């Protein structure tokens, strides 16, 4: 679970960096990366939900 949280935090940081770069500098490539980060975050958060439910049942 700790490893999963580290992945989520890293992905969030990457998303924020790319989204800010797109907003502030009109960087189109950063926008593409931010969208990719958001898809990956969705997957990680779904995985977190499953792991969290399993942990709560113990």
C-alpha atoms as a PDB file:
ATOM      1  CA  UNK A   1       0.000   0.000   0.000  1.00  0.00           C
ATOM      2  CA  UNK A   2       2.873   2.351   0.805  1.00  0.00           C
ATOM      3  CA  UNK A   3       4.385   1.778  -2.641  1.00  0.00           C
ATOM      4  CA  UNK A   4       1.033   2.494  -4.283  1.00  0.00           C
ATOM      5  CA  UNK A   5       0.708   5.783  -2.362  1.00  0.00           C
ATOM      6  CA  UNK A   6       4.197   6.786  -3.492  1.00  0.00           C
ATOM      7  CA  UNK A   7       3.226   6.125  -7.125  1.00  0.00           C
ATOM      8  CA  UNK A   8       0.041   8.178  -6.716  1.00  0.00           C
ATOM      9  CA  UNK A   9       1.931  11.099  -5.149  1.00  0.00           C
ATOM     10  CA  UNK A  10       4.555  11.029  -7.919  1.00  0.00           C
ATOM     11  CA  UNK A  11       1.854  10.989 -10.597  1.00  0.00           C
ATOM     12  CA  UNK A  12       0.019  13.893  -8.932  1.00  0.00           C
ATOM     13  CA  UNK A  13       3.235  15.925  -8.807  1.00  0.00           C
ATOM     14  CA  UNK A  14       3.911  15.205 -12.477  1.00  0.00           C
ATOM     15  CA  UNK A  15       0.328  16.137 -13.394  1.00  0.00           C
ATOM     16  CA  UNK A  16       0.549  19.434 -11.508  1.00  0.00           C
ATOM     17  CA  UNK A  17       3.851  20.332 -13.159  1.00  0.00           C
ATOM     18  CA  UNK A  18       2.553  19.576 -16.659  1.00  0.00           C
ATOM     19  CA  UNK A  19      -0.832  21.222 -16.133  1.00  0.00           C
ATOM     20  CA  UNK A  20       0.809  24.397 -14.803  1.00  0.00           C
ATOM     21  CA  UNK A  21       3.226  24.442 -17.719  1.00  0.00           C
ATOM     22  CA  UNK A  22       0.311  24.172 -20.135  1.00  0.00           C
ATOM     23  CA  UNK A  23      -1.624  26.922 -18.384  1.00  0.00           C
ATOM     24  CA  UNK A  24       1.219  29.380 -17.850  1.00  0.00           C
ATOM     25  CA  UNK A  25       3.295  28.816 -20.977  1.00  0.00           C
ATOM     26  CA  UNK A  26       0.680  27.503 -23.430  1.00  0.00           C
ATOM     27  CA  UNK A  27       2.855  24.408 -23.790  1.00  0.00           C
ATOM     28  CA  UNK A  28       0.813  21.970 -25.898  1.00  0.00           C
ATOM     29  CA  UNK A  29       3.130  19.022 -25.213  1.00  0.00           C
ATOM     30  CA  UNK A  30       2.726  19.566 -21.476  1.00  0.00           C
ATOM     31  CA  UNK A  31      -1.041  19.418 -21.964  1.00  0.00           C
ATOM     32  CA  UNK A  32      -0.684  16.047 -23.638  1.00  0.00           C
ATOM     33  CA  UNK A  33       1.472  14.803 -20.767  1.00  0.00           C
ATOM     34  CA  UNK A  34      -1.027  16.139 -18.206  1.00  0.00           C
ATOM     35  CA  UNK A  35      -3.863  14.251 -19.900  1.00  0.00           C
ATOM     36  CA  UNK A  36      -1.757  11.079 -19.894  1.00  0.00           C
ATOM     37  CA  UNK A  37      -1.032  11.646 -16.187  1.00  0.00           C
ATOM     38  CA  UNK A  38      -4.741  11.991 -15.481  1.00  0.00           C
ATOM     39  CA  UNK A  39      -5.463   8.629 -17.124  1.00  0.00           C
ATOM     40  CA  UNK A  40      -2.717   6.981 -15.106  1.00  0.00           C
ATOM     41  CA  UNK A  41      -4.026   8.600 -11.921  1.00  0.00           C
ATOM     42  CA  UNK A  42      -7.460   7.147 -12.620  1.00  0.00           C
ATOM     43  CA  UNK A  43      -5.972   3.655 -12.829  1.00  0.00           C
ATOM     44  CA  UNK A  44      -3.904   4.120  -9.671  1.00  0.00           C
ATOM     45  CA  UNK A  45      -6.825   5.512  -7.681  1.00  0.00           C
ATOM     46  CA  UNK A  46      -9.028   2.570  -8.693  1.00  0.00           C
ATOM     47  CA  UNK A  47      -6.263   0.216  -7.568  1.00  0.00           C
ATOM     48  CA  UNK A  48      -5.982   2.151  -4.298  1.00  0.00           C
ATOM     49  CA  UNK A  49      -9.708   1.743  -3.706  1.00  0.00           C
ATOM     50  CA  UNK A  50      -9.453  -2.034  -4.133  1.00  0.00           C
ATOM     51  CA  UNK A  51      -6.428  -2.327  -1.861  1.00  0.00           C
ATOM     52  CA  UNK A  52      -8.038  -0.072   0.726  1.00  0.00           C
ATOM     53  CA  UNK A  53     -11.182  -2.195   0.795  1.00  0.00           C
ATOM     54  CA  UNK A  54      -9.114  -5.362   1.222  1.00  0.00           C
ATOM     55  CA  UNK A  55      -7.145  -3.791   4.070  1.00  0.00           C
ATOM     56  CA  UNK A  56     -10.295  -2.675   5.863  1.00  0.00           C
ATOM     57  CA  UNK A  57     -11.664  -6.225   5.817  1.00  0.00           C
ATOM     58  CA  UNK A  58      -8.695  -7.548   7.795  1.00  0.00           C
END
